[in-house]
């Protein structure tokens, strides 16, 4: 069993760190570059307060958790989409392909996750519990799909010498740790049920607090301006990889433009 004092301490740290992060983004003007990221931390402030005021066993807590968790999932999708945009800013074709692939993968992952939980729902199960079960399924599916895409994004950055700002590189790493921890917690809940829920939740809060503090310390206005390469290669090999990347991106843009032209001609 975990100590209630430790849980309250971590919740307080998360609340303060989220408020400071939102303030820093606003004061430094970084909120203009990362509007979804800024909105997420604004939302985290009230979302960190209400769990301190309600008992986890109350109906009101469960209903609020369902509502806020759906908002959190929406933010998670938009956060990864924003990260993709920042990384692939100069490669709009790749960005469009990755965005649609992410949507399709999430729909498939959520559907599979929901179907796997149907046998566990009995007719006598309370309605709130049924809704929570489906929300957890959506949670697991969305987080799994986002982790896969973040891993693919990291592999992409490790292979191609794309010039990125320091802030974007920090984003990519911390986002990956953040979502991996969420997915791990959901996996532990699936495997062990409620037997380890307190310990797992405390571990998740500790990792989340570490991620928020890392964002707070490492993201800077200067870090948004200075662009460096994630990997350093020999000039000849680097030019060949960038040429391949530009060609693939141009082909995707050409296909997208052709499809858009066909749609417009059909409507007219």
C-alpha atoms as a PDB file:
ATOM      1  CA  UNK A   1       0.000   0.000   0.000  1.00  0.00           C
ATOM      2  CA  UNK A   2       1.174   3.518  -0.760  1.00  0.00           C
ATOM      3  CA  UNK A   3       1.153   6.367   1.699  1.00  0.00           C
ATOM      4  CA  UNK A   4      -1.708   8.916   1.301  1.00  0.00           C
ATOM      5  CA  UNK A   5       0.841  11.610   2.136  1.00  0.00           C
ATOM      6  CA  UNK A   6       2.978  10.580  -0.853  1.00  0.00           C
ATOM      7  CA  UNK A   7      -0.048  10.664  -3.146  1.00  0.00           C
ATOM      8  CA  UNK A   8      -1.023  14.143  -1.960  1.00  0.00           C
ATOM      9  CA  UNK A   9       2.572  15.329  -2.306  1.00  0.00           C
ATOM     10  CA  UNK A  10       2.788  14.151  -5.934  1.00  0.00           C
ATOM     11  CA  UNK A  11      -0.609  15.653  -6.777  1.00  0.00           C
ATOM     12  CA  UNK A  12       0.482  18.984  -5.284  1.00  0.00           C
ATOM     13  CA  UNK A  13       3.767  18.901  -7.211  1.00  0.00           C
ATOM     14  CA  UNK A  14       1.867  18.206 -10.429  1.00  0.00           C
ATOM     15  CA  UNK A  15      -0.528  21.088  -9.789  1.00  0.00           C
ATOM     16  CA  UNK A  16       2.252  23.578  -9.060  1.00  0.00           C
ATOM     17  CA  UNK A  17       4.444  22.387 -11.936  1.00  0.00           C
ATOM     18  CA  UNK A  18       1.522  22.577 -14.383  1.00  0.00           C
ATOM     19  CA  UNK A  19       0.662  26.123 -13.268  1.00  0.00           C
ATOM     20  CA  UNK A  20       4.314  27.204 -13.558  1.00  0.00           C
ATOM     21  CA  UNK A  21       4.606  25.569 -16.986  1.00  0.00           C
ATOM     22  CA  UNK A  22       1.547  27.410 -18.286  1.00  0.00           C
ATOM     23  CA  UNK A  23       2.875  30.688 -16.837  1.00  0.00           C
ATOM     24  CA  UNK A  24       6.323  30.171 -18.393  1.00  0.00           C
ATOM     25  CA  UNK A  25       4.873  29.398 -21.828  1.00  0.00           C
ATOM     26  CA  UNK A  26       2.754  32.557 -21.661  1.00  0.00           C
ATOM     27  CA  UNK A  27       5.466  34.836 -20.242  1.00  0.00           C
ATOM     28  CA  UNK A  28       8.104  33.745 -22.774  1.00  0.00           C
ATOM     29  CA  UNK A  29       5.711  33.818 -25.732  1.00  0.00           C
ATOM     30  CA  UNK A  30       6.284  30.112 -26.442  1.00  0.00           C
ATOM     31  CA  UNK A  31       2.530  29.527 -26.278  1.00  0.00           C
ATOM     32  CA  UNK A  32       2.333  30.942 -29.810  1.00  0.00           C
ATOM     33  CA  UNK A  33       4.611  28.183 -31.086  1.00  0.00           C
ATOM     34  CA  UNK A  34       2.979  25.437 -29.037  1.00  0.00           C
ATOM     35  CA  UNK A  35      -0.716  26.406 -28.684  1.00  0.00           C
ATOM     36  CA  UNK A  36      -1.971  22.861 -27.984  1.00  0.00           C
ATOM     37  CA  UNK A  37       0.801  22.266 -25.467  1.00  0.00           C
ATOM     38  CA  UNK A  38      -0.082  25.526 -23.712  1.00  0.00           C
ATOM     39  CA  UNK A  39      -3.825  24.722 -23.700  1.00  0.00           C
ATOM     40  CA  UNK A  40      -3.096  21.294 -22.251  1.00  0.00           C
ATOM     41  CA  UNK A  41      -1.335  22.782 -19.234  1.00  0.00           C
ATOM     42  CA  UNK A  42      -4.086  25.345 -18.753  1.00  0.00           C
ATOM     43  CA  UNK A  43      -6.518  22.417 -18.614  1.00  0.00           C
ATOM     44  CA  UNK A  44      -4.246  20.489 -16.236  1.00  0.00           C
ATOM     45  CA  UNK A  45      -4.607  23.156 -13.539  1.00  0.00           C
ATOM     46  CA  UNK A  46      -8.336  22.613 -12.752  1.00  0.00           C
ATOM     47  CA  UNK A  47      -7.956  18.943 -13.673  1.00  0.00           C
ATOM     48  CA  UNK A  48      -5.351  18.616 -10.918  1.00  0.00           C
ATOM     49  CA  UNK A  49      -7.507  20.395  -8.324  1.00  0.00           C
ATOM     50  CA  UNK A  50     -10.811  18.525  -8.405  1.00  0.00           C
ATOM     51  CA  UNK A  51      -9.326  15.060  -7.576  1.00  0.00           C
ATOM     52  CA  UNK A  52      -8.011  16.592  -4.336  1.00  0.00           C
ATOM     53  CA  UNK A  53     -11.545  17.545  -3.285  1.00  0.00           C
ATOM     54  CA  UNK A  54     -13.501  14.349  -3.960  1.00  0.00           C
ATOM     55  CA  UNK A  55     -13.375  10.785  -2.716  1.00  0.00           C
ATOM     56  CA  UNK A  56     -12.308   8.314  -5.397  1.00  0.00           C
ATOM     57  CA  UNK A  57     -15.198   6.024  -4.443  1.00  0.00           C
ATOM     58  CA  UNK A  58     -17.930   8.637  -4.967  1.00  0.00           C
ATOM     59  CA  UNK A  59     -20.237   8.693  -8.009  1.00  0.00           C
ATOM     60  CA  UNK A  60     -19.364  12.319  -8.653  1.00  0.00           C
ATOM     61  CA  UNK A  61     -15.662  11.451  -8.881  1.00  0.00           C
ATOM     62  CA  UNK A  62     -16.347   8.672 -11.392  1.00  0.00           C
ATOM     63  CA  UNK A  63     -18.530  10.897 -13.595  1.00  0.00           C
ATOM     64  CA  UNK A  64     -15.991  13.720 -13.558  1.00  0.00           C
ATOM     65  CA  UNK A  65     -13.201  11.254 -14.319  1.00  0.00           C
ATOM     66  CA  UNK A  66     -15.067   9.970 -17.377  1.00  0.00           C
ATOM     67  CA  UNK A  67     -15.641  13.504 -18.714  1.00  0.00           C
ATOM     68  CA  UNK A  68     -12.129  14.775 -18.047  1.00  0.00           C
ATOM     69  CA  UNK A  69     -10.437  11.608 -19.316  1.00  0.00           C
ATOM     70  CA  UNK A  70     -12.132  12.027 -22.699  1.00  0.00           C
ATOM     71  CA  UNK A  71     -10.829  15.610 -22.808  1.00  0.00           C
ATOM     72  CA  UNK A  72      -7.348  14.367 -21.876  1.00  0.00           C
ATOM     73  CA  UNK A  73      -7.437  11.785 -24.678  1.00  0.00           C
ATOM     74  CA  UNK A  74      -8.375  14.521 -27.138  1.00  0.00           C
ATOM     75  CA  UNK A  75      -5.424  16.592 -25.924  1.00  0.00           C
ATOM     76  CA  UNK A  76      -3.092  13.599 -26.293  1.00  0.00           C
ATOM     77  CA  UNK A  77      -4.075  13.202 -29.951  1.00  0.00           C
ATOM     78  CA  UNK A  78      -3.664  16.931 -30.621  1.00  0.00           C
ATOM     79  CA  UNK A  79      -0.321  17.019 -28.771  1.00  0.00           C
ATOM     80  CA  UNK A  80       1.173  14.269 -30.923  1.00  0.00           C
ATOM     81  CA  UNK A  81      -0.294  15.907 -34.022  1.00  0.00           C
ATOM     82  CA  UNK A  82       1.352  19.189 -33.003  1.00  0.00           C
ATOM     83  CA  UNK A  83       4.668  17.412 -32.444  1.00  0.00           C
ATOM     84  CA  UNK A  84       4.429  15.821 -35.890  1.00  0.00           C
ATOM     85  CA  UNK A  85       3.794  19.266 -37.359  1.00  0.00           C
ATOM     86  CA  UNK A  86       6.839  20.719 -35.623  1.00  0.00           C
ATOM     87  CA  UNK A  87       9.135  17.890 -36.702  1.00  0.00           C
ATOM     88  CA  UNK A  88       7.835  17.671 -40.294  1.00  0.00           C
ATOM     89  CA  UNK A  89       7.321  21.397 -40.750  1.00  0.00           C
ATOM     90  CA  UNK A  90       9.250  21.401 -44.041  1.00  0.00           C
ATOM     91  CA  UNK A  91       7.796  18.102 -45.223  1.00  0.00           C
ATOM     92  CA  UNK A  92       4.053  18.670 -45.580  1.00  0.00           C
ATOM     93  CA  UNK A  93       3.543  15.537 -47.638  1.00  0.00           C
ATOM     94  CA  UNK A  94       5.044  13.310 -44.951  1.00  0.00           C
ATOM     95  CA  UNK A  95       3.088  15.171 -42.283  1.00  0.00           C
ATOM     96  CA  UNK A  96      -0.232  14.599 -44.061  1.00  0.00           C
ATOM     97  CA  UNK A  97       0.528  10.899 -44.580  1.00  0.00           C
ATOM     98  CA  UNK A  98       1.557  10.455 -40.948  1.00  0.00           C
ATOM     99  CA  UNK A  99      -1.507  12.323 -39.664  1.00  0.00           C
ATOM    100  CA  UNK A 100      -3.995  10.129 -41.547  1.00  0.00           C
ATOM    101  CA  UNK A 101      -2.089   6.967 -40.687  1.00  0.00           C
ATOM    102  CA  UNK A 102      -2.260   7.972 -37.000  1.00  0.00           C
ATOM    103  CA  UNK A 103      -6.040   8.467 -37.185  1.00  0.00           C
ATOM    104  CA  UNK A 104      -6.580   5.086 -38.847  1.00  0.00           C
ATOM    105  CA  UNK A 105      -4.298   3.324 -36.371  1.00  0.00           C
ATOM    106  CA  UNK A 106      -6.143   4.876 -33.419  1.00  0.00           C
ATOM    107  CA  UNK A 107      -9.543   3.805 -34.726  1.00  0.00           C
ATOM    108  CA  UNK A 108      -8.277   0.238 -35.176  1.00  0.00           C
ATOM    109  CA  UNK A 109      -6.547   0.154 -31.765  1.00  0.00           C
ATOM    110  CA  UNK A 110      -9.584   1.554 -29.906  1.00  0.00           C
ATOM    111  CA  UNK A 111     -11.936  -0.875 -31.666  1.00  0.00           C
ATOM    112  CA  UNK A 112      -9.776  -3.889 -30.821  1.00  0.00           C
ATOM    113  CA  UNK A 113      -9.389  -2.707 -27.229  1.00  0.00           C
ATOM    114  CA  UNK A 114     -13.145  -2.186 -26.814  1.00  0.00           C
ATOM    115  CA  UNK A 115     -13.977  -5.577 -28.323  1.00  0.00           C
ATOM    116  CA  UNK A 116     -11.547  -7.293 -25.961  1.00  0.00           C
ATOM    117  CA  UNK A 117     -13.406  -5.855 -22.952  1.00  0.00           C
ATOM    118  CA  UNK A 118     -16.937  -6.764 -24.060  1.00  0.00           C
ATOM    119  CA  UNK A 119     -16.821 -10.289 -22.492  1.00  0.00           C
ATOM    120  CA  UNK A 120     -15.950  -8.707 -19.126  1.00  0.00           C
ATOM    121  CA  UNK A 121     -19.110  -6.549 -19.091  1.00  0.00           C
ATOM    122  CA  UNK A 122     -22.039  -8.351 -17.520  1.00  0.00           C
ATOM    123  CA  UNK A 123     -25.741  -7.333 -17.724  1.00  0.00           C
ATOM    124  CA  UNK A 124     -25.707  -6.613 -13.988  1.00  0.00           C
ATOM    125  CA  UNK A 125     -22.768  -4.218 -14.292  1.00  0.00           C
ATOM    126  CA  UNK A 126     -23.778  -0.642 -13.283  1.00  0.00           C
ATOM    127  CA  UNK A 127     -24.091   1.812 -16.151  1.00  0.00           C
ATOM    128  CA  UNK A 128     -21.299   4.062 -14.839  1.00  0.00           C
ATOM    129  CA  UNK A 129     -18.964   1.082 -14.607  1.00  0.00           C
ATOM    130  CA  UNK A 130     -19.805   0.110 -18.188  1.00  0.00           C
ATOM    131  CA  UNK A 131     -18.994   3.606 -19.419  1.00  0.00           C
ATOM    132  CA  UNK A 132     -15.745   3.638 -17.445  1.00  0.00           C
ATOM    133  CA  UNK A 133     -14.790   0.298 -19.001  1.00  0.00           C
ATOM    134  CA  UNK A 134     -15.230   1.681 -22.512  1.00  0.00           C
ATOM    135  CA  UNK A 135     -13.355   4.865 -21.614  1.00  0.00           C
ATOM    136  CA  UNK A 136     -10.472   2.749 -20.302  1.00  0.00           C
ATOM    137  CA  UNK A 137     -10.562   0.790 -23.566  1.00  0.00           C
ATOM    138  CA  UNK A 138     -10.359   4.035 -25.535  1.00  0.00           C
ATOM    139  CA  UNK A 139      -7.566   5.188 -23.223  1.00  0.00           C
ATOM    140  CA  UNK A 140      -5.571   2.028 -23.851  1.00  0.00           C
ATOM    141  CA  UNK A 141      -6.139   2.078 -27.616  1.00  0.00           C
ATOM    142  CA  UNK A 142      -5.281   5.748 -28.086  1.00  0.00           C
ATOM    143  CA  UNK A 143      -2.161   5.593 -25.910  1.00  0.00           C
ATOM    144  CA  UNK A 144      -0.927   2.455 -27.659  1.00  0.00           C
ATOM    145  CA  UNK A 145      -1.376   4.007 -31.105  1.00  0.00           C
ATOM    146  CA  UNK A 146       0.319   7.255 -30.030  1.00  0.00           C
ATOM    147  CA  UNK A 147       3.285   5.408 -28.525  1.00  0.00           C
ATOM    148  CA  UNK A 148       3.770   3.475 -31.772  1.00  0.00           C
ATOM    149  CA  UNK A 149       3.778   6.703 -33.764  1.00  0.00           C
ATOM    150  CA  UNK A 150       6.162   8.398 -31.357  1.00  0.00           C
ATOM    151  CA  UNK A 151       8.564   5.454 -31.616  1.00  0.00           C
ATOM    152  CA  UNK A 152       8.348   5.685 -35.416  1.00  0.00           C
ATOM    153  CA  UNK A 153       9.002   9.414 -35.171  1.00  0.00           C
ATOM    154  CA  UNK A 154      12.102   8.807 -33.026  1.00  0.00           C
ATOM    155  CA  UNK A 155      13.334   6.193 -35.526  1.00  0.00           C
ATOM    156  CA  UNK A 156      12.791   8.714 -38.309  1.00  0.00           C
ATOM    157  CA  UNK A 157      14.810  11.338 -36.434  1.00  0.00           C
ATOM    158  CA  UNK A 158      17.592   8.833 -35.734  1.00  0.00           C
ATOM    159  CA  UNK A 159      17.913   8.002 -39.451  1.00  0.00           C
ATOM    160  CA  UNK A 160      17.471  11.296 -41.286  1.00  0.00           C
ATOM    161  CA  UNK A 161      19.577  14.425 -40.589  1.00  0.00           C
ATOM    162  CA  UNK A 162      16.603  16.770 -40.154  1.00  0.00           C
ATOM    163  CA  UNK A 163      17.440  20.121 -38.600  1.00  0.00           C
ATOM    164  CA  UNK A 164      15.236  20.744 -35.548  1.00  0.00           C
ATOM    165  CA  UNK A 165      15.147  23.248 -32.719  1.00  0.00           C
ATOM    166  CA  UNK A 166      16.360  22.158 -29.312  1.00  0.00           C
ATOM    167  CA  UNK A 167      12.838  22.518 -27.926  1.00  0.00           C
ATOM    168  CA  UNK A 168      11.371  20.159 -30.531  1.00  0.00           C
ATOM    169  CA  UNK A 169      14.021  17.524 -29.786  1.00  0.00           C
ATOM    170  CA  UNK A 170      13.236  17.828 -26.065  1.00  0.00           C
ATOM    171  CA  UNK A 171       9.533  17.566 -26.889  1.00  0.00           C
ATOM    172  CA  UNK A 172      10.044  14.360 -28.838  1.00  0.00           C
ATOM    173  CA  UNK A 173      11.984  12.645 -26.056  1.00  0.00           C
ATOM    174  CA  UNK A 174       9.794  13.734 -23.123  1.00  0.00           C
ATOM    175  CA  UNK A 175       6.567  13.055 -25.037  1.00  0.00           C
ATOM    176  CA  UNK A 176       7.777   9.527 -25.709  1.00  0.00           C
ATOM    177  CA  UNK A 177       8.593   8.902 -22.036  1.00  0.00           C
ATOM    178  CA  UNK A 178       5.257  10.425 -21.012  1.00  0.00           C
ATOM    179  CA  UNK A 179       3.147   8.267 -23.328  1.00  0.00           C
ATOM    180  CA  UNK A 180       5.205   5.122 -22.718  1.00  0.00           C
ATOM    181  CA  UNK A 181       4.532   5.478 -18.992  1.00  0.00           C
ATOM    182  CA  UNK A 182       0.789   5.895 -19.649  1.00  0.00           C
ATOM    183  CA  UNK A 183       0.727   2.777 -21.808  1.00  0.00           C
ATOM    184  CA  UNK A 184       2.717   0.795 -19.233  1.00  0.00           C
ATOM    185  CA  UNK A 185       0.279   1.788 -16.489  1.00  0.00           C
ATOM    186  CA  UNK A 186      -2.704   0.754 -18.601  1.00  0.00           C
ATOM    187  CA  UNK A 187      -0.997  -2.577 -19.298  1.00  0.00           C
ATOM    188  CA  UNK A 188      -0.395  -3.136 -15.569  1.00  0.00           C
ATOM    189  CA  UNK A 189      -4.042  -2.355 -14.821  1.00  0.00           C
ATOM    190  CA  UNK A 190      -5.123  -4.854 -17.459  1.00  0.00           C
ATOM    191  CA  UNK A 191      -2.837  -7.600 -16.122  1.00  0.00           C
ATOM    192  CA  UNK A 192      -3.329  -7.107 -12.379  1.00  0.00           C
ATOM    193  CA  UNK A 193      -6.684  -5.317 -12.148  1.00  0.00           C
ATOM    194  CA  UNK A 194      -7.210  -3.445  -8.881  1.00  0.00           C
ATOM    195  CA  UNK A 195      -4.584  -5.403  -6.941  1.00  0.00           C
ATOM    196  CA  UNK A 196      -1.812  -2.902  -7.717  1.00  0.00           C
ATOM    197  CA  UNK A 197      -3.837   0.133  -8.750  1.00  0.00           C
ATOM    198  CA  UNK A 198      -2.578   2.399  -5.952  1.00  0.00           C
ATOM    199  CA  UNK A 199       1.084   1.575  -6.557  1.00  0.00           C
ATOM    200  CA  UNK A 200       0.680   1.927 -10.334  1.00  0.00           C
ATOM    201  CA  UNK A 201      -1.104   5.291 -10.034  1.00  0.00           C
ATOM    202  CA  UNK A 202       1.617   6.644  -7.743  1.00  0.00           C
ATOM    203  CA  UNK A 203       4.296   5.495 -10.182  1.00  0.00           C
ATOM    204  CA  UNK A 204       2.470   7.223 -13.027  1.00  0.00           C
ATOM    205  CA  UNK A 205       2.151  10.453 -11.037  1.00  0.00           C
ATOM    206  CA  UNK A 206       5.881  10.341 -10.259  1.00  0.00           C
ATOM    207  CA  UNK A 207       6.812   9.898 -13.939  1.00  0.00           C
ATOM    208  CA  UNK A 208       4.329  12.593 -15.014  1.00  0.00           C
ATOM    209  CA  UNK A 209       5.716  15.022 -12.425  1.00  0.00           C
ATOM    210  CA  UNK A 210       9.246  14.302 -13.677  1.00  0.00           C
ATOM    211  CA  UNK A 211       8.168  14.975 -17.278  1.00  0.00           C
ATOM    212  CA  UNK A 212       6.421  18.245 -16.391  1.00  0.00           C
ATOM    213  CA  UNK A 213       9.412  19.470 -14.376  1.00  0.00           C
ATOM    214  CA  UNK A 214      11.716  18.518 -17.269  1.00  0.00           C
ATOM    215  CA  UNK A 215       9.581  20.556 -19.677  1.00  0.00           C
ATOM    216  CA  UNK A 216       9.585  23.434 -17.197  1.00  0.00           C
ATOM    217  CA  UNK A 217      13.364  23.474 -16.880  1.00  0.00           C
ATOM    218  CA  UNK A 218      14.480  22.577 -20.410  1.00  0.00           C
ATOM    219  CA  UNK A 219      12.111  24.486 -22.710  1.00  0.00           C
ATOM    220  CA  UNK A 220      13.452  27.983 -23.389  1.00  0.00           C
ATOM    221  CA  UNK A 221      12.827  30.789 -25.921  1.00  0.00           C
ATOM    222  CA  UNK A 222      16.380  30.352 -27.229  1.00  0.00           C
ATOM    223  CA  UNK A 223      15.781  26.636 -27.644  1.00  0.00           C
ATOM    224  CA  UNK A 224      12.956  27.412 -30.067  1.00  0.00           C
ATOM    225  CA  UNK A 225      15.280  29.340 -32.379  1.00  0.00           C
ATOM    226  CA  UNK A 226      18.502  27.335 -32.586  1.00  0.00           C
ATOM    227  CA  UNK A 227      18.230  24.476 -35.083  1.00  0.00           C
ATOM    228  CA  UNK A 228      20.611  21.528 -34.978  1.00  0.00           C
ATOM    229  CA  UNK A 229      20.711  18.070 -36.484  1.00  0.00           C
ATOM    230  CA  UNK A 230      19.739  15.105 -34.367  1.00  0.00           C
ATOM    231  CA  UNK A 231      22.268  12.883 -36.134  1.00  0.00           C
ATOM    232  CA  UNK A 232      25.589  13.893 -37.696  1.00  0.00           C
ATOM    233  CA  UNK A 233      26.634  12.107 -40.884  1.00  0.00           C
ATOM    234  CA  UNK A 234      29.234  12.452 -43.593  1.00  0.00           C
ATOM    235  CA  UNK A 235      28.236  15.230 -46.036  1.00  0.00           C
ATOM    236  CA  UNK A 236      27.867  12.888 -49.019  1.00  0.00           C
ATOM    237  CA  UNK A 237      25.664  10.407 -47.161  1.00  0.00           C
ATOM    238  CA  UNK A 238      23.679  13.227 -45.542  1.00  0.00           C
ATOM    239  CA  UNK A 239      22.925  14.824 -48.913  1.00  0.00           C
ATOM    240  CA  UNK A 240      21.788  11.498 -50.330  1.00  0.00           C
ATOM    241  CA  UNK A 241      19.360  10.912 -47.421  1.00  0.00           C
ATOM    242  CA  UNK A 242      17.961  14.432 -47.639  1.00  0.00           C
ATOM    243  CA  UNK A 243      17.493  14.041 -51.401  1.00  0.00           C
ATOM    244  CA  UNK A 244      15.551  10.809 -50.814  1.00  0.00           C
ATOM    245  CA  UNK A 245      13.430  12.549 -48.192  1.00  0.00           C
ATOM    246  CA  UNK A 246      12.705  15.520 -50.459  1.00  0.00           C
ATOM    247  CA  UNK A 247      11.773  13.216 -53.346  1.00  0.00           C
ATOM    248  CA  UNK A 248       9.391  11.156 -51.218  1.00  0.00           C
ATOM    249  CA  UNK A 249       7.806  14.300 -49.794  1.00  0.00           C
ATOM    250  CA  UNK A 250       7.388  15.814 -53.264  1.00  0.00           C
ATOM    251  CA  UNK A 251       5.752  12.602 -54.518  1.00  0.00           C
ATOM    252  CA  UNK A 252       3.259  12.638 -51.646  1.00  0.00           C
ATOM    253  CA  UNK A 253       2.444  16.300 -52.254  1.00  0.00           C
ATOM    254  CA  UNK A 254       1.912  15.552 -55.948  1.00  0.00           C
ATOM    255  CA  UNK A 255      -0.470  12.693 -55.161  1.00  0.00           C
ATOM    256  CA  UNK A 256      -2.359  14.833 -52.642  1.00  0.00           C
ATOM    257  CA  UNK A 257      -2.636  17.707 -55.104  1.00  0.00           C
ATOM    258  CA  UNK A 258      -3.920  15.367 -57.822  1.00  0.00           C
ATOM    259  CA  UNK A 259      -6.586  13.908 -55.523  1.00  0.00           C
ATOM    260  CA  UNK A 260      -7.674  17.383 -54.427  1.00  0.00           C
ATOM    261  CA  UNK A 261      -8.012  18.434 -58.082  1.00  0.00           C
ATOM    262  CA  UNK A 262     -10.147  15.364 -58.841  1.00  0.00           C
ATOM    263  CA  UNK A 263     -12.437  16.093 -55.891  1.00  0.00           C
ATOM    264  CA  UNK A 264     -12.901  19.705 -56.982  1.00  0.00           C
ATOM    265  CA  UNK A 265     -13.637  18.685 -60.574  1.00  0.00           C
ATOM    266  CA  UNK A 266     -16.216  16.110 -59.432  1.00  0.00           C
ATOM    267  CA  UNK A 267     -18.008  18.715 -57.295  1.00  0.00           C
ATOM    268  CA  UNK A 268     -18.105  21.204 -60.136  1.00  0.00           C
END
